[in-house]
Amino acid sequence: KVEELPIALQRAFKVAMTEPRGPVFLSLPGDVMMQEVDAKPLPLTTI
């Protein structure tokens, strides 16, 4: 769901950059990317 995007993106960057570091993956369906949503990105958490 498009409402998941802010959480999923913030989590992806946080997890990738926390030791031990590594790749993360997000699958982005076309309908999710083209849906309207009243949301904005979450500030990135640095651990």
All heavy atoms as atom14 arrays in JSON, in Angstrom:
{
  "sequence": "KVEELPIALQRAFKVAMTEPRGPVFLSLPGDVMMQEVDAKPLPLTTI",
  "atom14_mask": [
    [1, 1, 1, 1, 1, 1, 1, 1, 1, 0, 0, 0, 0, 0],
    [1, 1, 1, 1, 1, 1, 1, 0, 0, 0, 0, 0, 0, 0],
    [1, 1, 1, 1, 1, 1, 1, 1, 1, 0, 0, 0, 0, 0],
    [1, 1, 1, 1, 1, 1, 1, 1, 1, 0, 0, 0, 0, 0],
    [1, 1, 1, 1, 1, 1, 1, 1, 0, 0, 0, 0, 0, 0],
    [1, 1, 1, 1, 1, 1, 1, 0, 0, 0, 0, 0, 0, 0],
    [1, 1, 1, 1, 1, 1, 1, 1, 0, 0, 0, 0, 0, 0],
    [1, 1, 1, 1, 1, 0, 0, 0, 0, 0, 0, 0, 0, 0],
    [1, 1, 1, 1, 1, 1, 1, 1, 0, 0, 0, 0, 0, 0],
    [1, 1, 1, 1, 1, 1, 1, 1, 1, 0, 0, 0, 0, 0],
    [1, 1, 1, 1, 1, 1, 1, 1, 1, 1, 1, 0, 0, 0],
    [1, 1, 1, 1, 1, 0, 0, 0, 0, 0, 0, 0, 0, 0],
    [1, 1, 1, 1, 1, 1, 1, 1, 1, 1, 1, 0, 0, 0],
    [1, 1, 1, 1, 1, 1, 1, 1, 1, 0, 0, 0, 0, 0],
    [1, 1, 1, 1, 1, 1, 1, 0, 0, 0, 0, 0, 0, 0],
    [1, 1, 1, 1, 1, 0, 0, 0, 0, 0, 0, 0, 0, 0],
    [1, 1, 1, 1, 1, 1, 1, 1, 0, 0, 0, 0, 0, 0],
    [1, 1, 1, 1, 1, 1, 1, 0, 0, 0, 0, 0, 0, 0],
    [1, 1, 1, 1, 1, 1, 1, 1, 1, 0, 0, 0, 0, 0],
    [1, 1, 1, 1, 1, 1, 1, 0, 0, 0, 0, 0, 0, 0],
    [1, 1, 1, 1, 1, 1, 1, 1, 1, 1, 1, 0, 0, 0],
    [1, 1, 1, 1, 0, 0, 0, 0, 0, 0, 0, 0, 0, 0],
    [1, 1, 1, 1, 1, 1, 1, 0, 0, 0, 0, 0, 0, 0],
    [1, 1, 1, 1, 1, 1, 1, 0, 0, 0, 0, 0, 0, 0],
    [1, 1, 1, 1, 1, 1, 1, 1, 1, 1, 1, 0, 0, 0],
    [1, 1, 1, 1, 1, 1, 1, 1, 0, 0, 0, 0, 0, 0],
    [1, 1, 1, 1, 1, 1, 0, 0, 0, 0, 0, 0, 0, 0],
    [1, 1, 1, 1, 1, 1, 1, 1, 0, 0, 0, 0, 0, 0],
    [1, 1, 1, 1, 1, 1, 1, 0, 0, 0, 0, 0, 0, 0],
    [1, 1, 1, 1, 0, 0, 0, 0, 0, 0, 0, 0, 0, 0],
    [1, 1, 1, 1, 1, 1, 1, 1, 0, 0, 0, 0, 0, 0],
    [1, 1, 1, 1, 1, 1, 1, 0, 0, 0, 0, 0, 0, 0],
    [1, 1, 1, 1, 1, 1, 1, 1, 0, 0, 0, 0, 0, 0],
    [1, 1, 1, 1, 1, 1, 1, 1, 0, 0, 0, 0, 0, 0],
    [1, 1, 1, 1, 1, 1, 1, 1, 1, 0, 0, 0, 0, 0],
    [1, 1, 1, 1, 1, 1, 1, 1, 1, 0, 0, 0, 0, 0],
    [1, 1, 1, 1, 1, 1, 1, 0, 0, 0, 0, 0, 0, 0],
    [1, 1, 1, 1, 1, 1, 1, 1, 0, 0, 0, 0, 0, 0],
    [1, 1, 1, 1, 1, 0, 0, 0, 0, 0, 0, 0, 0, 0],
    [1, 1, 1, 1, 1, 1, 1, 1, 1, 0, 0, 0, 0, 0],
    [1, 1, 1, 1, 1, 1, 1, 0, 0, 0, 0, 0, 0, 0],
    [1, 1, 1, 1, 1, 1, 1, 1, 0, 0, 0, 0, 0, 0],
    [1, 1, 1, 1, 1, 1, 1, 0, 0, 0, 0, 0, 0, 0],
    [1, 1, 1, 1, 1, 1, 1, 1, 0, 0, 0, 0, 0, 0],
    [1, 1, 1, 1, 1, 1, 1, 0, 0, 0, 0, 0, 0, 0],
    [1, 1, 1, 1, 1, 1, 1, 0, 0, 0, 0, 0, 0, 0],
    [1, 1, 1, 1, 1, 1, 1, 1, 0, 0, 0, 0, 0, 0]
  ],
  "atom14_positions": [
    [[0.85, -1.19, 0.0], [0.0, 0.0, 0.0], [0.88, 1.24, 0.0], [1.96, 1.26, 0.6], [-0.91, 0.01, 1.23], [-1.88, -1.16, 1.3], [-2.75, -1.09, 2.55], [-3.72, -2.27, 2.61], [-4.58, -2.23, 3.83], [0.0, 0.0, 0.0], [0.0, 0.0, 0.0], [0.0, 0.0, 0.0], [0.0, 0.0, 0.0], [0.0, 0.0, 0.0]],
    [[0.41, 2.27, -0.64], [1.21, 3.48, -0.76], [1.51, 4.08, 0.61], [2.56, 4.71, 0.81], [0.5, 4.5, -1.68], [-0.77, 5.06, -1.02], [1.44, 5.62, -2.08], [0.0, 0.0, 0.0], [0.0, 0.0, 0.0], [0.0, 0.0, 0.0], [0.0, 0.0, 0.0], [0.0, 0.0, 0.0], [0.0, 0.0, 0.0], [0.0, 0.0, 0.0]],
    [[0.62, 3.86, 1.58], [0.84, 4.41, 2.93], [2.06, 3.78, 3.62], [2.58, 4.32, 4.59], [-0.41, 4.18, 3.8], [-1.61, 5.02, 3.4], [-2.39, 4.43, 2.24], [-2.06, 3.3, 1.8], [-3.33, 5.1, 1.75], [0.0, 0.0, 0.0], [0.0, 0.0, 0.0], [0.0, 0.0, 0.0], [0.0, 0.0, 0.0], [0.0, 0.0, 0.0]],
    [[2.5, 2.62, 3.14], [3.67, 1.95, 3.73], [4.99, 2.6, 3.34], [6.01, 2.39, 4.0], [3.73, 0.48, 3.28], [2.6, -0.39, 3.75], [2.72, -1.8, 3.18], [3.77, -2.13, 2.58], [1.77, -2.55, 3.36], [0.0, 0.0, 0.0], [0.0, 0.0, 0.0], [0.0, 0.0, 0.0], [0.0, 0.0, 0.0], [0.0, 0.0, 0.0]],
    [[4.98, 3.35, 2.24], [6.25, 3.82, 1.66], [7.13, 4.61, 2.65], [8.34, 4.33, 2.73], [5.97, 4.67, 0.42], [5.89, 3.9, -0.91], [5.43, 4.82, -2.02], [7.24, 3.28, -1.26], [0.0, 0.0, 0.0], [0.0, 0.0, 0.0], [0.0, 0.0, 0.0], [0.0, 0.0, 0.0], [0.0, 0.0, 0.0], [0.0, 0.0, 0.0]],
    [[6.61, 5.59, 3.4], [7.5, 6.32, 4.3], [8.21, 5.42, 5.31], [9.42, 5.57, 5.54], [6.57, 7.33, 4.98], [5.45, 7.52, 4.01], [5.25, 6.17, 3.38], [0.0, 0.0, 0.0], [0.0, 0.0, 0.0], [0.0, 0.0, 0.0], [0.0, 0.0, 0.0], [0.0, 0.0, 0.0], [0.0, 0.0, 0.0], [0.0, 0.0, 0.0]],
    [[7.47, 4.48, 5.89], [8.08, 3.58, 6.87], [9.08, 2.65, 6.18], [10.21, 2.44, 6.67], [6.99, 2.75, 7.6], [6.12, 3.66, 8.45], [7.62, 1.66, 8.45], [4.95, 2.94, 9.11], [0.0, 0.0, 0.0], [0.0, 0.0, 0.0], [0.0, 0.0, 0.0], [0.0, 0.0, 0.0], [0.0, 0.0, 0.0], [0.0, 0.0, 0.0]],
    [[8.69, 2.08, 5.04], [9.55, 1.13, 4.35], [10.86, 1.78, 3.91], [11.94, 1.19, 4.06], [8.83, 0.55, 3.14], [0.0, 0.0, 0.0], [0.0, 0.0, 0.0], [0.0, 0.0, 0.0], [0.0, 0.0, 0.0], [0.0, 0.0, 0.0], [0.0, 0.0, 0.0], [0.0, 0.0, 0.0], [0.0, 0.0, 0.0], [0.0, 0.0, 0.0]],
    [[10.8, 3.0, 3.41], [12.01, 3.67, 2.94], [12.92, 4.06, 4.09], [14.14, 3.86, 4.03], [11.61, 4.91, 2.12], [11.0, 4.6, 0.75], [10.27, 5.81, 0.2], [12.08, 4.13, -0.22], [0.0, 0.0, 0.0], [0.0, 0.0, 0.0], [0.0, 0.0, 0.0], [0.0, 0.0, 0.0], [0.0, 0.0, 0.0], [0.0, 0.0, 0.0]],
    [[12.35, 4.6, 5.16], [13.18, 4.97, 6.3], [13.83, 3.74, 6.91], [15.01, 3.74, 7.25], [12.32, 5.68, 7.35], [13.12, 6.45, 8.4], [13.54, 5.63, 9.6], [14.52, 5.96, 10.27], [12.81, 4.57, 9.9], [0.0, 0.0, 0.0], [0.0, 0.0, 0.0], [0.0, 0.0, 0.0], [0.0, 0.0, 0.0], [0.0, 0.0, 0.0]],
    [[13.06, 2.65, 6.99], [13.6, 1.41, 7.56], [14.72, 0.86, 6.68], [15.74, 0.37, 7.16], [12.5, 0.38, 7.73], [12.98, -0.9, 8.42], [11.87, -1.94, 8.5], [10.74, -1.48, 9.29], [9.61, -2.14, 9.41], [9.45, -3.32, 8.79], [8.62, -1.68, 10.15], [0.0, 0.0, 0.0], [0.0, 0.0, 0.0], [0.0, 0.0, 0.0]],
    [[14.52, 0.91, 5.37], [15.52, 0.37, 4.45], [16.86, 1.08, 4.62], [17.91, 0.44, 4.73], [15.02, 0.5, 3.01], [0.0, 0.0, 0.0], [0.0, 0.0, 0.0], [0.0, 0.0, 0.0], [0.0, 0.0, 0.0], [0.0, 0.0, 0.0], [0.0, 0.0, 0.0], [0.0, 0.0, 0.0], [0.0, 0.0, 0.0], [0.0, 0.0, 0.0]],
    [[16.86, 2.4, 4.64], [18.1, 3.14, 4.8], [18.71, 2.9, 6.18], [19.93, 2.75, 6.31], [17.85, 4.64, 4.58], [17.85, 5.04, 3.14], [16.72, 4.87, 2.35], [18.97, 5.59, 2.56], [16.71, 5.24, 1.01], [18.99, 5.97, 1.22], [17.84, 5.78, 0.44], [0.0, 0.0, 0.0], [0.0, 0.0, 0.0], [0.0, 0.0, 0.0]],
    [[17.87, 2.86, 7.21], [18.37, 2.63, 8.56], [19.04, 1.26, 8.68], [20.16, 1.14, 9.21], [17.23, 2.72, 9.57], [17.64, 2.5, 11.02], [16.54, 1.92, 11.87], [16.2, 0.5, 11.46], [15.43, -0.24, 12.47], [0.0, 0.0, 0.0], [0.0, 0.0, 0.0], [0.0, 0.0, 0.0], [0.0, 0.0, 0.0], [0.0, 0.0, 0.0]],
    [[18.39, 0.22, 8.17], [18.92, -1.14, 8.28], [20.21, -1.28, 7.47], [21.18, -1.88, 7.93], [17.86, -2.16, 7.82], [18.46, -3.55, 7.68], [16.7, -2.19, 8.81], [0.0, 0.0, 0.0], [0.0, 0.0, 0.0], [0.0, 0.0, 0.0], [0.0, 0.0, 0.0], [0.0, 0.0, 0.0], [0.0, 0.0, 0.0], [0.0, 0.0, 0.0]],
    [[20.22, -0.75, 6.26], [21.41, -0.87, 5.41], [22.63, -0.22, 6.06], [23.75, -0.73, 5.94], [21.14, -0.24, 4.05], [0.0, 0.0, 0.0], [0.0, 0.0, 0.0], [0.0, 0.0, 0.0], [0.0, 0.0, 0.0], [0.0, 0.0, 0.0], [0.0, 0.0, 0.0], [0.0, 0.0, 0.0], [0.0, 0.0, 0.0], [0.0, 0.0, 0.0]],
    [[22.43, 0.89, 6.77], [23.54, 1.66, 7.31], [23.93, 1.28, 8.73], [24.87, 1.83, 9.28], [23.19, 3.15, 7.25], [23.15, 3.71, 5.84], [24.76, 3.64, 5.02], [25.66, 4.87, 6.0], [0.0, 0.0, 0.0], [0.0, 0.0, 0.0], [0.0, 0.0, 0.0], [0.0, 0.0, 0.0], [0.0, 0.0, 0.0], [0.0, 0.0, 0.0]],
    [[23.23, 0.33, 9.34], [23.56, -0.09, 10.69], [24.45, -1.33, 10.63], [24.15, -2.29, 9.94], [22.28, -0.42, 11.48], [21.43, 0.74, 11.51], [22.6, -0.81, 12.91], [0.0, 0.0, 0.0], [0.0, 0.0, 0.0], [0.0, 0.0, 0.0], [0.0, 0.0, 0.0], [0.0, 0.0, 0.0], [0.0, 0.0, 0.0], [0.0, 0.0, 0.0]],
    [[25.57, -1.29, 11.38], [26.49, -2.43, 11.38], [25.86, -3.64, 12.05], [25.18, -3.49, 13.07], [27.8, -2.05, 12.11], [28.65, -1.01, 11.41], [29.36, -1.56, 10.17], [29.27, -2.79, 9.91], [30.0, -0.77, 9.47], [0.0, 0.0, 0.0], [0.0, 0.0, 0.0], [0.0, 0.0, 0.0], [0.0, 0.0, 0.0], [0.0, 0.0, 0.0]],
    [[26.17, -4.83, 11.49], [26.91, -5.06, 10.25], [26.09, -4.65, 9.03], [24.95, -5.1, 8.86], [27.17, -6.56, 10.26], [26.08, -7.13, 11.09], [25.76, -6.1, 12.13], [0.0, 0.0, 0.0], [0.0, 0.0, 0.0], [0.0, 0.0, 0.0], [0.0, 0.0, 0.0], [0.0, 0.0, 0.0], [0.0, 0.0, 0.0], [0.0, 0.0, 0.0]],
    [[26.67, -3.78, 8.22], [25.94, -3.21, 7.09], [25.66, -4.25, 6.01], [26.27, -5.31, 5.98], [26.72, -2.04, 6.5], [26.85, -0.85, 7.45], [27.6, 0.28, 6.8], [27.64, 1.47, 7.67], [28.13, 2.64, 7.3], [28.65, 2.79, 6.1], [28.12, 3.66, 8.14], [0.0, 0.0, 0.0], [0.0, 0.0, 0.0], [0.0, 0.0, 0.0]],
    [[24.77, -3.89, 5.1], [24.48, -4.8, 4.0], [23.33, -4.3, 3.14], [22.69, -3.29, 3.44], [0.0, 0.0, 0.0], [0.0, 0.0, 0.0], [0.0, 0.0, 0.0], [0.0, 0.0, 0.0], [0.0, 0.0, 0.0], [0.0, 0.0, 0.0], [0.0, 0.0, 0.0], [0.0, 0.0, 0.0], [0.0, 0.0, 0.0], [0.0, 0.0, 0.0]],
    [[23.03, -5.03, 2.06], [21.95, -4.63, 1.15], [20.57, -4.87, 1.76], [20.37, -5.8, 2.55], [22.16, -5.55, -0.07], [23.52, -6.14, 0.09], [23.78, -6.18, 1.55], [0.0, 0.0, 0.0], [0.0, 0.0, 0.0], [0.0, 0.0, 0.0], [0.0, 0.0, 0.0], [0.0, 0.0, 0.0], [0.0, 0.0, 0.0], [0.0, 0.0, 0.0]],
    [[19.62, -4.04, 1.35], [18.2, -4.26, 1.63], [17.46, -4.16, 0.29], [17.99, -3.63, -0.68], [17.63, -3.25, 2.64], [18.35, -3.34, 3.97], [17.71, -1.83, 2.09], [0.0, 0.0, 0.0], [0.0, 0.0, 0.0], [0.0, 0.0, 0.0], [0.0, 0.0, 0.0], [0.0, 0.0, 0.0], [0.0, 0.0, 0.0], [0.0, 0.0, 0.0]],
    [[16.22, -4.67, 0.26], [15.48, -4.7, -1.0], [14.03, -4.28, -0.78], [13.39, -4.7, 0.19], [15.5, -6.1, -1.61], [14.6, -6.25, -2.8], [14.96, -5.72, -4.02], [13.38, -6.9, -2.7], [14.13, -5.83, -5.13], [12.54, -7.03, -3.79], [12.91, -6.48, -5.02], [0.0, 0.0, 0.0], [0.0, 0.0, 0.0], [0.0, 0.0, 0.0]],
    [[13.53, -3.46, -1.7], [12.12, -3.08, -1.73], [11.54, -3.35, -3.11], [12.1, -2.89, -4.12], [11.94, -1.6, -1.39], [12.26, -1.16, 0.04], [12.11, 0.36, 0.15], [11.35, -1.86, 1.04], [0.0, 0.0, 0.0], [0.0, 0.0, 0.0], [0.0, 0.0, 0.0], [0.0, 0.0, 0.0], [0.0, 0.0, 0.0], [0.0, 0.0, 0.0]],
    [[10.44, -4.09, -3.15], [9.68, -4.3, -4.38], [8.6, -3.22, -4.46], [7.85, -3.02, -3.5], [9.05, -5.69, -4.39], [8.18, -5.84, -5.48], [0.0, 0.0, 0.0], [0.0, 0.0, 0.0], [0.0, 0.0, 0.0], [0.0, 0.0, 0.0], [0.0, 0.0, 0.0], [0.0, 0.0, 0.0], [0.0, 0.0, 0.0], [0.0, 0.0, 0.0]],
    [[8.53, -2.53, -5.6], [7.66, -1.37, -5.74], [6.64, -1.6, -6.86], [6.93, -1.32, -8.04], [8.49, -0.12, -6.02], [9.6, 0.19, -4.99], [10.44, 1.38, -5.46], [8.99, 0.47, -3.62], [0.0, 0.0, 0.0], [0.0, 0.0, 0.0], [0.0, 0.0, 0.0], [0.0, 0.0, 0.0], [0.0, 0.0, 0.0], [0.0, 0.0, 0.0]],
    [[5.45, -2.1, -6.56], [4.44, -2.32, -7.59], [4.0, -1.01, -8.26], [3.97, 0.06, -7.62], [3.27, -2.94, -6.81], [3.91, -3.54, -5.58], [5.03, -2.61, -5.24], [0.0, 0.0, 0.0], [0.0, 0.0, 0.0], [0.0, 0.0, 0.0], [0.0, 0.0, 0.0], [0.0, 0.0, 0.0], [0.0, 0.0, 0.0], [0.0, 0.0, 0.0]],
    [[3.67, -1.11, -9.53], [3.31, 0.08, -10.29], [2.1, 0.82, -9.74], [2.07, 2.06, -9.75], [0.0, 0.0, 0.0], [0.0, 0.0, 0.0], [0.0, 0.0, 0.0], [0.0, 0.0, 0.0], [0.0, 0.0, 0.0], [0.0, 0.0, 0.0], [0.0, 0.0, 0.0], [0.0, 0.0, 0.0], [0.0, 0.0, 0.0], [0.0, 0.0, 0.0]],
    [[1.1, 0.09, -9.26], [-0.09, 0.77, -8.74], [0.23, 1.54, -7.47], [-0.32, 2.62, -7.23], [-1.22, -0.22, -8.51], [-0.82, -1.39, -7.63], [0.35, -1.81, -7.69], [-1.68, -1.91, -6.88], [0.0, 0.0, 0.0], [0.0, 0.0, 0.0], [0.0, 0.0, 0.0], [0.0, 0.0, 0.0], [0.0, 0.0, 0.0], [0.0, 0.0, 0.0]],
    [[1.13, 1.01, -6.65], [1.55, 1.72, -5.43], [2.26, 3.02, -5.8], [2.02, 4.07, -5.19], [2.45, 0.83, -4.57], [3.07, 1.62, -3.41], [1.66, -0.36, -4.02], [0.0, 0.0, 0.0], [0.0, 0.0, 0.0], [0.0, 0.0, 0.0], [0.0, 0.0, 0.0], [0.0, 0.0, 0.0], [0.0, 0.0, 0.0], [0.0, 0.0, 0.0]],
    [[3.11, 2.96, -6.81], [3.89, 4.14, -7.17], [3.04, 5.24, -7.79], [3.42, 6.42, -7.77], [5.01, 3.74, -8.14], [6.0, 2.75, -7.56], [6.8, 3.35, -6.04], [8.12, 4.32, -6.73], [0.0, 0.0, 0.0], [0.0, 0.0, 0.0], [0.0, 0.0, 0.0], [0.0, 0.0, 0.0], [0.0, 0.0, 0.0], [0.0, 0.0, 0.0]],
    [[1.89, 4.89, -8.34], [1.04, 5.88, -8.98], [-0.19, 6.26, -8.16], [-1.01, 7.04, -8.61], [0.61, 5.37, -10.36], [1.76, 5.23, -11.36], [2.73, 6.76, -11.57], [1.53, 7.79, -12.44], [0.0, 0.0, 0.0], [0.0, 0.0, 0.0], [0.0, 0.0, 0.0], [0.0, 0.0, 0.0], [0.0, 0.0, 0.0], [0.0, 0.0, 0.0]],
    [[-0.31, 5.73, -6.95], [-1.41, 6.11, -6.08], [-1.12, 7.44, -5.39], [0.03, 7.75, -5.08], [-1.65, 5.04, -5.0], [-2.36, 3.79, -5.49], [-2.49, 2.75, -4.4], [-2.28, 3.03, -3.22], [-2.82, 1.52, -4.78], [0.0, 0.0, 0.0], [0.0, 0.0, 0.0], [0.0, 0.0, 0.0], [0.0, 0.0, 0.0], [0.0, 0.0, 0.0]],
    [[-2.18, 8.2, -5.14], [-2.03, 9.44, -4.39], [-2.05, 9.13, -2.89], [-2.72, 8.19, -2.44], [-3.16, 10.4, -4.73], [-3.08, 10.97, -6.14], [-4.1, 12.06, -6.38], [-4.98, 12.25, -5.51], [-4.03, 12.72, -7.42], [0.0, 0.0, 0.0], [0.0, 0.0, 0.0], [0.0, 0.0, 0.0], [0.0, 0.0, 0.0], [0.0, 0.0, 0.0]],
    [[-1.3, 9.92, -2.13], [-1.23, 9.71, -0.69], [-0.92, 11.04, -0.02], [-0.16, 11.86, -0.55], [-0.16, 8.65, -0.32], [1.24, 9.11, -0.72], [-0.21, 8.3, 1.16], [0.0, 0.0, 0.0], [0.0, 0.0, 0.0], [0.0, 0.0, 0.0], [0.0, 0.0, 0.0], [0.0, 0.0, 0.0], [0.0, 0.0, 0.0], [0.0, 0.0, 0.0]],
    [[-1.51, 11.25, 1.13], [-1.22, 12.44, 1.93], [-0.12, 12.08, 2.92], [-0.38, 11.79, 4.09], [-2.48, 12.91, 2.66], [-2.25, 14.21, 3.43], [-1.2, 14.85, 3.18], [-3.09, 14.55, 4.27], [0.0, 0.0, 0.0], [0.0, 0.0, 0.0], [0.0, 0.0, 0.0], [0.0, 0.0, 0.0], [0.0, 0.0, 0.0], [0.0, 0.0, 0.0]],
    [[1.12, 12.02, 2.44], [2.24, 11.58, 3.27], [3.52, 12.2, 2.75], [3.57, 12.69, 1.62], [2.35, 10.06, 3.27], [0.0, 0.0, 0.0], [0.0, 0.0, 0.0], [0.0, 0.0, 0.0], [0.0, 0.0, 0.0], [0.0, 0.0, 0.0], [0.0, 0.0, 0.0], [0.0, 0.0, 0.0], [0.0, 0.0, 0.0], [0.0, 0.0, 0.0]],
    [[4.52, 12.18, 3.57], [5.85, 12.63, 3.16], [6.88, 11.73, 3.82], [6.58, 10.99, 4.76], [6.07, 14.09, 3.56], [5.98, 14.36, 5.05], [6.17, 15.84, 5.33], [6.11, 16.13, 6.84], [6.3, 17.58, 7.12], [0.0, 0.0, 0.0], [0.0, 0.0, 0.0], [0.0, 0.0, 0.0], [0.0, 0.0, 0.0], [0.0, 0.0, 0.0]],
    [[8.14, 11.76, 3.34], [9.15, 10.88, 3.9], [9.38, 11.13, 5.39], [9.26, 12.27, 5.87], [10.4, 11.21, 3.1], [9.9, 11.83, 1.84], [8.65, 12.55, 2.22], [0.0, 0.0, 0.0], [0.0, 0.0, 0.0], [0.0, 0.0, 0.0], [0.0, 0.0, 0.0], [0.0, 0.0, 0.0], [0.0, 0.0, 0.0], [0.0, 0.0, 0.0]],
    [[9.71, 10.06, 6.11], [10.09, 10.2, 7.51], [11.55, 10.66, 7.59], [12.38, 10.3, 6.75], [9.96, 8.85, 8.23], [8.56, 8.27, 8.36], [8.64, 6.88, 8.98], [7.67, 9.18, 9.2], [0.0, 0.0, 0.0], [0.0, 0.0, 0.0], [0.0, 0.0, 0.0], [0.0, 0.0, 0.0], [0.0, 0.0, 0.0], [0.0, 0.0, 0.0]],
    [[11.89, 11.46, 8.59], [13.31, 11.77, 8.8], [14.09, 10.49, 9.04], [13.59, 9.55, 9.65], [13.29, 12.65, 10.06], [11.89, 13.17, 10.15], [11.01, 12.11, 9.58], [0.0, 0.0, 0.0], [0.0, 0.0, 0.0], [0.0, 0.0, 0.0], [0.0, 0.0, 0.0], [0.0, 0.0, 0.0], [0.0, 0.0, 0.0], [0.0, 0.0, 0.0]],
    [[15.31, 10.45, 8.54], [16.13, 9.24, 8.65], [16.71, 9.12, 10.06], [17.27, 10.07, 10.6], [17.27, 9.27, 7.63], [18.19, 8.06, 7.6], [17.39, 6.79, 7.28], [19.3, 8.25, 6.58], [0.0, 0.0, 0.0], [0.0, 0.0, 0.0], [0.0, 0.0, 0.0], [0.0, 0.0, 0.0], [0.0, 0.0, 0.0], [0.0, 0.0, 0.0]],
    [[16.58, 7.92, 10.62], [17.15, 7.63, 11.93], [18.57, 7.09, 11.77], [18.78, 6.14, 11.0], [16.31, 6.59, 12.68], [14.99, 7.11, 12.87], [16.91, 6.26, 14.04], [0.0, 0.0, 0.0], [0.0, 0.0, 0.0], [0.0, 0.0, 0.0], [0.0, 0.0, 0.0], [0.0, 0.0, 0.0], [0.0, 0.0, 0.0], [0.0, 0.0, 0.0]],
    [[19.52, 7.67, 12.45], [20.9, 7.2, 12.44], [21.21, 6.55, 13.79], [21.01, 7.16, 14.84], [21.88, 8.35, 12.18], [21.57, 8.95, 10.92], [23.32, 7.85, 12.18], [0.0, 0.0, 0.0], [0.0, 0.0, 0.0], [0.0, 0.0, 0.0], [0.0, 0.0, 0.0], [0.0, 0.0, 0.0], [0.0, 0.0, 0.0], [0.0, 0.0, 0.0]],
    [[21.69, 5.33, 13.75], [22.02, 4.61, 14.98], [23.53, 4.67, 15.18], [24.3, 4.14, 14.36], [21.53, 3.16, 14.9], [20.0, 3.12, 14.75], [21.96, 2.37, 16.14], [19.44, 1.74, 14.59], [0.0, 0.0, 0.0], [0.0, 0.0, 0.0], [0.0, 0.0, 0.0], [0.0, 0.0, 0.0], [0.0, 0.0, 0.0], [0.0, 0.0, 0.0]]
  ]
}
